[in-house]
PDB file of N, CA and C in Angstrom:
ATOM      1  N   MET A   1       3.475   1.270 -15.252  1.00  0.00           N
ATOM      2  CA  MET A   1       3.444   2.660 -15.601  1.00  0.00           C
ATOM      3  C   MET A   1       3.119   2.766 -17.078  1.00  0.00           C
ATOM      4  N   SER A   2       2.260   3.697 -17.419  1.00  0.00           N
ATOM      5  CA  SER A   2       1.862   3.896 -18.797  1.00  0.00           C
ATOM      6  C   SER A   2       2.985   4.549 -19.585  1.00  0.00           C
ATOM      7  N   SER A   3       3.151   4.122 -20.816  1.00  0.00           N
ATOM      8  CA  SER A   3       4.166   4.731 -21.661  1.00  0.00           C
ATOM      9  C   SER A   3       3.622   5.972 -22.356  1.00  0.00           C
ATOM     10  N   ASP A   4       2.340   6.230 -22.201  1.00  0.00           N
ATOM     11  CA  ASP A   4       1.716   7.398 -22.821  1.00  0.00           C
ATOM     12  C   ASP A   4       2.079   8.645 -22.022  1.00  0.00           C
ATOM     13  N   ALA A   5       2.780   9.585 -22.640  1.00  0.00           N
ATOM     14  CA  ALA A   5       3.288  10.779 -21.951  1.00  0.00           C
ATOM     15  C   ALA A   5       2.179  11.643 -21.367  1.00  0.00           C
ATOM     16  N   LYS A   6       0.984  11.599 -21.941  1.00  0.00           N
ATOM     17  CA  LYS A   6      -0.089  12.456 -21.427  1.00  0.00           C
ATOM     18  C   LYS A   6      -0.522  12.072 -20.012  1.00  0.00           C
ATOM     19  N   TYR A   7      -0.208  10.848 -19.578  1.00  0.00           N
ATOM     20  CA  TYR A   7      -0.569  10.416 -18.230  1.00  0.00           C
ATOM     21  C   TYR A   7       0.543  10.642 -17.216  1.00  0.00           C
ATOM     22  N   ARG A   8       1.740  10.902 -17.679  1.00  0.00           N
ATOM     23  CA  ARG A   8       2.890  11.036 -16.793  1.00  0.00           C
ATOM     24  C   ARG A   8       2.679  12.131 -15.752  1.00  0.00           C
ATOM     25  N   GLU A   9       2.068  13.235 -16.125  1.00  0.00           N
ATOM     26  CA  GLU A   9       1.893  14.336 -15.181  1.00  0.00           C
ATOM     27  C   GLU A   9       0.967  13.976 -14.021  1.00  0.00           C
ATOM     28  N   HIS A  10       0.169  12.949 -14.180  1.00  0.00           N
ATOM     29  CA  HIS A  10      -0.766  12.539 -13.126  1.00  0.00           C
ATOM     30  C   HIS A  10      -0.232  11.387 -12.278  1.00  0.00           C
ATOM     31  N   SER A  11       0.899  10.841 -12.634  1.00  0.00           N
ATOM     32  CA  SER A  11       1.383   9.648 -11.935  1.00  0.00           C
ATOM     33  C   SER A  11       1.734   9.929 -10.477  1.00  0.00           C
ATOM     34  N   ARG A  12       2.315  11.058 -10.180  1.00  0.00           N
ATOM     35  CA  ARG A  12       2.668  11.371  -8.797  1.00  0.00           C
ATOM     36  C   ARG A  12       1.411  11.530  -7.938  1.00  0.00           C
ATOM     37  N   GLU A  13       0.414  12.226  -8.471  1.00  0.00           N
ATOM     38  CA  GLU A  13      -0.837  12.402  -7.721  1.00  0.00           C
ATOM     39  C   GLU A  13      -1.524  11.060  -7.488  1.00  0.00           C
ATOM     40  N   THR A  14      -1.489  10.215  -8.500  1.00  0.00           N
ATOM     41  CA  THR A  14      -2.085   8.889  -8.354  1.00  0.00           C
ATOM     42  C   THR A  14      -1.362   8.094  -7.275  1.00  0.00           C
ATOM     43  N   ALA A  15      -0.041   8.147  -7.282  1.00  0.00           N
ATOM     44  CA  ALA A  15       0.747   7.432  -6.279  1.00  0.00           C
ATOM     45  C   ALA A  15       0.442   7.942  -4.876  1.00  0.00           C
ATOM     46  N   ILE A  16       0.256   9.240  -4.728  1.00  0.00           N
ATOM     47  CA  ILE A  16      -0.070   9.812  -3.415  1.00  0.00           C
ATOM     48  C   ILE A  16      -1.424   9.281  -2.932  1.00  0.00           C
ATOM     49  N   CYS A  17      -2.393   9.215  -3.825  1.00  0.00           N
ATOM     50  CA  CYS A  17      -3.715   8.692  -3.448  1.00  0.00           C
ATOM     51  C   CYS A  17      -3.633   7.223  -3.046  1.00  0.00           C
ATOM     52  N   VAL A  18      -2.867   6.447  -3.784  1.00  0.00           N
ATOM     53  CA  VAL A  18      -2.707   5.028  -3.455  1.00  0.00           C
ATOM     54  C   VAL A  18      -2.011   4.890  -2.108  1.00  0.00           C
ATOM     55  N   GLU A  19      -0.978   5.700  -1.863  1.00  0.00           N
ATOM     56  CA  GLU A  19      -0.255   5.647  -0.590  1.00  0.00           C
ATOM     57  C   GLU A  19      -1.196   5.964   0.577  1.00  0.00           C
ATOM     58  N   MET A  20      -2.067   6.944   0.400  1.00  0.00           N
ATOM     59  CA  MET A  20      -3.025   7.274   1.468  1.00  0.00           C
ATOM     60  C   MET A  20      -3.941   6.098   1.749  1.00  0.00           C
ATOM     61  N   ALA A  21      -4.388   5.423   0.708  1.00  0.00           N
ATOM     62  CA  ALA A  21      -5.252   4.256   0.901  1.00  0.00           C
ATOM     63  C   ALA A  21      -4.493   3.126   1.596  1.00  0.00           C
ATOM     64  N   LEU A  22      -3.237   2.901   1.200  1.00  0.00           N
ATOM     65  CA  LEU A  22      -2.437   1.865   1.854  1.00  0.00           C
ATOM     66  C   LEU A  22      -2.222   2.184   3.328  1.00  0.00           C
ATOM     67  N   ASN A  23      -2.002   3.438   3.648  1.00  0.00           N
ATOM     68  CA  ASN A  23      -1.831   3.833   5.048  1.00  0.00           C
ATOM     69  C   ASN A  23      -3.080   3.531   5.856  1.00  0.00           C
ATOM     70  N   THR A  24      -4.237   3.816   5.294  1.00  0.00           N
ATOM     71  CA  THR A  24      -5.497   3.568   5.983  1.00  0.00           C
ATOM     72  C   THR A  24      -5.700   2.076   6.219  1.00  0.00           C
ATOM     73  N   VAL A  25      -5.434   1.273   5.197  1.00  0.00           N
ATOM     74  CA  VAL A  25      -5.576  -0.186   5.336  1.00  0.00           C
ATOM     75  C   VAL A  25      -4.589  -0.707   6.374  1.00  0.00           C
ATOM     76  N   GLU A  26      -3.362  -0.217   6.345  1.00  0.00           N
ATOM     77  CA  GLU A  26      -2.370  -0.659   7.326  1.00  0.00           C
ATOM     78  C   GLU A  26      -2.806  -0.309   8.748  1.00  0.00           C
ATOM     79  N   ASP A  27      -3.336   0.889   8.937  1.00  0.00           N
ATOM     80  CA  ASP A  27      -3.837   1.281  10.255  1.00  0.00           C
ATOM     81  C   ASP A  27      -4.967   0.356  10.714  1.00  0.00           C
ATOM     82  N   ASP A  28      -5.872   0.030   9.793  1.00  0.00           N
ATOM     83  CA  ASP A  28      -6.981  -0.874  10.125  1.00  0.00           C
ATOM     84  C   ASP A  28      -6.463  -2.251  10.533  1.00  0.00           C
ATOM     85  N   ILE A  29      -5.489  -2.761   9.794  1.00  0.00           N
ATOM     86  CA  ILE A  29      -4.923  -4.076  10.110  1.00  0.00           C
ATOM     87  C   ILE A  29      -4.264  -4.049  11.479  1.00  0.00           C
ATOM     88  N   ARG A  30      -3.513  -3.005  11.760  1.00  0.00           N
ATOM     89  CA  ARG A  30      -2.840  -2.901  13.060  1.00  0.00           C
ATOM     90  C   ARG A  30      -3.850  -2.853  14.211  1.00  0.00           C
ATOM     91  N   ARG A  31      -4.955  -2.137  14.022  1.00  0.00           N
ATOM     92  CA  ARG A  31      -5.992  -2.099  15.062  1.00  0.00           C
ATOM     93  C   ARG A  31      -6.601  -3.479  15.273  1.00  0.00           C
ATOM     94  N   GLU A  32      -6.838  -4.191  14.172  1.00  0.00           N
ATOM     95  CA  GLU A  32      -7.394  -5.547  14.290  1.00  0.00           C
ATOM     96  C   GLU A  32      -6.412  -6.487  14.981  1.00  0.00           C
ATOM     97  N   LEU A  33      -5.127  -6.308  14.717  1.00  0.00           N
ATOM     98  CA  LEU A  33      -4.115  -7.156  15.357  1.00  0.00           C
ATOM     99  C   LEU A  33      -4.121  -7.000  16.872  1.00  0.00           C
ATOM    100  N   GLU A  34      -4.467  -5.827  17.350  1.00  0.00           N
ATOM    101  CA  GLU A  34      -4.488  -5.577  18.798  1.00  0.00           C
ATOM    102  C   GLU A  34      -5.557  -6.400  19.502  1.00  0.00           C
ATOM    103  N   THR A  35      -6.606  -6.784  18.787  1.00  0.00           N
ATOM    104  CA  THR A  35      -7.730  -7.468  19.437  1.00  0.00           C
ATOM    105  C   THR A  35      -7.993  -8.882  18.918  1.00  0.00           C
ATOM    106  N   SER A  36      -7.217  -9.321  17.945  1.00  0.00           N
ATOM    107  CA  SER A  36      -7.522 -10.616  17.334  1.00  0.00           C
ATOM    108  C   SER A  36      -6.793 -11.754  18.032  1.00  0.00           C
ATOM    109  N   GLY A  37      -7.321 -12.950  17.837  1.00  0.00           N
ATOM    110  CA  GLY A  37      -6.686 -14.154  18.362  1.00  0.00           C
ATOM    111  C   GLY A  37      -5.479 -14.534  17.521  1.00  0.00           C
ATOM    112  N   SER A  38      -4.775 -15.572  17.940  1.00  0.00           N
ATOM    113  CA  SER A  38      -3.521 -15.927  17.277  1.00  0.00           C
ATOM    114  C   SER A  38      -3.712 -16.363  15.820  1.00  0.00           C
ATOM    115  N   HIS A  39      -4.771 -17.111  15.537  1.00  0.00           N
ATOM    116  CA  HIS A  39      -5.002 -17.555  14.155  1.00  0.00           C
ATOM    117  C   HIS A  39      -5.262 -16.356  13.243  1.00  0.00           C
ATOM    118  N   ALA A  40      -6.119 -15.463  13.692  1.00  0.00           N
ATOM    119  CA  ALA A  40      -6.412 -14.260  12.914  1.00  0.00           C
ATOM    120  C   ALA A  40      -5.178 -13.367  12.820  1.00  0.00           C
ATOM    121  N   ALA A  41      -4.406 -13.297  13.884  1.00  0.00           N
ATOM    122  CA  ALA A  41      -3.199 -12.465  13.879  1.00  0.00           C
ATOM    123  C   ALA A  41      -2.204 -12.970  12.846  1.00  0.00           C
ATOM    124  N   ASP A  42      -2.082 -14.275  12.707  1.00  0.00           N
ATOM    125  CA  ASP A  42      -1.183 -14.834  11.688  1.00  0.00           C
ATOM    126  C   ASP A  42      -1.615 -14.383  10.294  1.00  0.00           C
ATOM    127  N   ALA A  43      -2.897 -14.480  10.028  1.00  0.00           N
ATOM    128  CA  ALA A  43      -3.418 -14.079   8.721  1.00  0.00           C
ATOM    129  C   ALA A  43      -3.227 -12.579   8.499  1.00  0.00           C
ATOM    130  N   LEU A  44      -3.527 -11.789   9.512  1.00  0.00           N
ATOM    131  CA  LEU A  44      -3.371 -10.340   9.382  1.00  0.00           C
ATOM    132  C   LEU A  44      -1.906  -9.946   9.182  1.00  0.00           C
ATOM    133  N   ASN A  45      -0.995 -10.651   9.827  1.00  0.00           N
ATOM    134  CA  ASN A  45       0.424 -10.368   9.632  1.00  0.00           C
ATOM    135  C   ASN A  45       0.868 -10.708   8.211  1.00  0.00           C
ATOM    136  N   ARG A  46       0.299 -11.759   7.632  1.00  0.00           N
ATOM    137  CA  ARG A  46       0.611 -12.080   6.238  1.00  0.00           C
ATOM    138  C   ARG A  46       0.100 -10.978   5.317  1.00  0.00           C
ATOM    139  N   VAL A  47      -1.104 -10.512   5.570  1.00  0.00           N
ATOM    140  CA  VAL A  47      -1.671  -9.424   4.769  1.00  0.00           C
ATOM    141  C   VAL A  47      -0.826  -8.162   4.927  1.00  0.00           C
ATOM    142  N   LEU A  48      -0.406  -7.882   6.127  1.00  0.00           N
ATOM    143  CA  LEU A  48       0.437  -6.712   6.385  1.00  0.00           C
ATOM    144  C   LEU A  48       1.761  -6.814   5.621  1.00  0.00           C
ATOM    145  N   GLY A  49       2.326  -7.998   5.558  1.00  0.00           N
ATOM    146  CA  GLY A  49       3.554  -8.203   4.788  1.00  0.00           C
ATOM    147  C   GLY A  49       3.344  -7.937   3.303  1.00  0.00           C
ATOM    148  N   LYS A  50       2.212  -8.397   2.770  1.00  0.00           N
ATOM    149  CA  LYS A  50       1.896  -8.148   1.362  1.00  0.00           C
ATOM    150  C   LYS A  50       1.705  -6.658   1.109  1.00  0.00           C
ATOM    151  N   LEU A  51       1.073  -5.985   2.049  1.00  0.00           N
ATOM    152  CA  LEU A  51       0.874  -4.544   1.918  1.00  0.00           C
ATOM    153  C   LEU A  51       2.224  -3.826   1.865  1.00  0.00           C
ATOM    154  N   ARG A  52       3.153  -4.244   2.683  1.00  0.00           N
ATOM    155  CA  ARG A  52       4.491  -3.636   2.672  1.00  0.00           C
ATOM    156  C   ARG A  52       5.191  -3.872   1.340  1.00  0.00           C
ATOM    157  N   GLU A  53       5.029  -5.067   0.775  1.00  0.00           N
ATOM    158  CA  GLU A  53       5.610  -5.352  -0.536  1.00  0.00           C
ATOM    159  C   GLU A  53       5.031  -4.431  -1.601  1.00  0.00           C
ATOM    160  N   ARG A  54       3.736  -4.232  -1.555  1.00  0.00           N
ATOM    161  CA  ARG A  54       3.091  -3.361  -2.538  1.00  0.00           C
ATOM    162  C   ARG A  54       3.524  -1.905  -2.356  1.00  0.00           C
ATOM    163  N   ARG A  55       3.761  -1.517  -1.114  1.00  0.00           N
ATOM    164  CA  ARG A  55       4.228  -0.157  -0.853  1.00  0.00           C
ATOM    165  C   ARG A  55       5.614   0.051  -1.473  1.00  0.00           C
ATOM    166  N   LYS A  56       6.468  -0.961  -1.432  1.00  0.00           N
ATOM    167  CA  LYS A  56       7.795  -0.861  -2.054  1.00  0.00           C
ATOM    168  C   LYS A  56       7.661  -0.654  -3.559  1.00  0.00           C
ATOM    169  N   VAL A  57       6.730  -1.366  -4.179  1.00  0.00           N
ATOM    170  CA  VAL A  57       6.490  -1.195  -5.610  1.00  0.00           C
ATOM    171  C   VAL A  57       6.007   0.224  -5.885  1.00  0.00           C
ATOM    172  N   LEU A  58       5.116   0.704  -5.045  1.00  0.00           N
ATOM    173  CA  LEU A  58       4.601   2.062  -5.200  1.00  0.00           C
ATOM    174  C   LEU A  58       5.722   3.092  -5.081  1.00  0.00           C
ATOM    175  N   LEU A  59       6.630   2.891  -4.150  1.00  0.00           N
ATOM    176  CA  LEU A  59       7.748   3.819  -3.999  1.00  0.00           C
ATOM    177  C   LEU A  59       8.631   3.839  -5.241  1.00  0.00           C
ATOM    178  N   LYS A  60       8.851   2.686  -5.836  1.00  0.00           N
ATOM    179  CA  LYS A  60       9.629   2.639  -7.071  1.00  0.00           C
ATOM    180  C   LYS A  60       8.897   3.381  -8.186  1.00  0.00           C
ATOM    181  N   PHE A  61       7.583   3.186  -8.258  1.00  0.00           N
ATOM    182  CA  PHE A  61       6.772   3.870  -9.254  1.00  0.00           C
ATOM    183  C   PHE A  61       6.852   5.379  -9.064  1.00  0.00           C
ATOM    184  N   THR A  62       6.745   5.823  -7.818  1.00  0.00           N
ATOM    185  CA  THR A  62       6.791   7.254  -7.518  1.00  0.00           C
ATOM    186  C   THR A  62       8.153   7.835  -7.889  1.00  0.00           C
ATOM    187  N   ALA A  63       9.208   7.102  -7.607  1.00  0.00           N
ATOM    188  CA  ALA A  63      10.554   7.579  -7.933  1.00  0.00           C
ATOM    189  C   ALA A  63      10.746   7.704  -9.439  1.00  0.00           C
ATOM    190  N   ALA A  64      10.097   6.830 -10.192  1.00  0.00           N
ATOM    191  CA  ALA A  64      10.230   6.864 -11.649  1.00  0.00           C
ATOM    192  C   ALA A  64       9.380   7.966 -12.280  1.00  0.00           C
ATOM    193  N   ALA A  65       8.409   8.470 -11.539  1.00  0.00           N
ATOM    194  CA  ALA A  65       7.482   9.481 -12.089  1.00  0.00           C
ATOM    195  C   ALA A  65       8.142  10.819 -12.255  1.00  0.00           C
TER     196      ALA A  65
END
């Protein structure tokens, strides 16, 4: 998070845009998981886990905004 106060008013809007993008990526991964083989599913599940971790960081950022 920027310490510059002039950007603080935009932080919530930025977080909302990032959350929308994360939702779209998560939906895409879930659709791929429905049709992928086991090796690909393992990789996609790892990516999905990383996405969830990043979403937690985003939630903390949003709460601080």
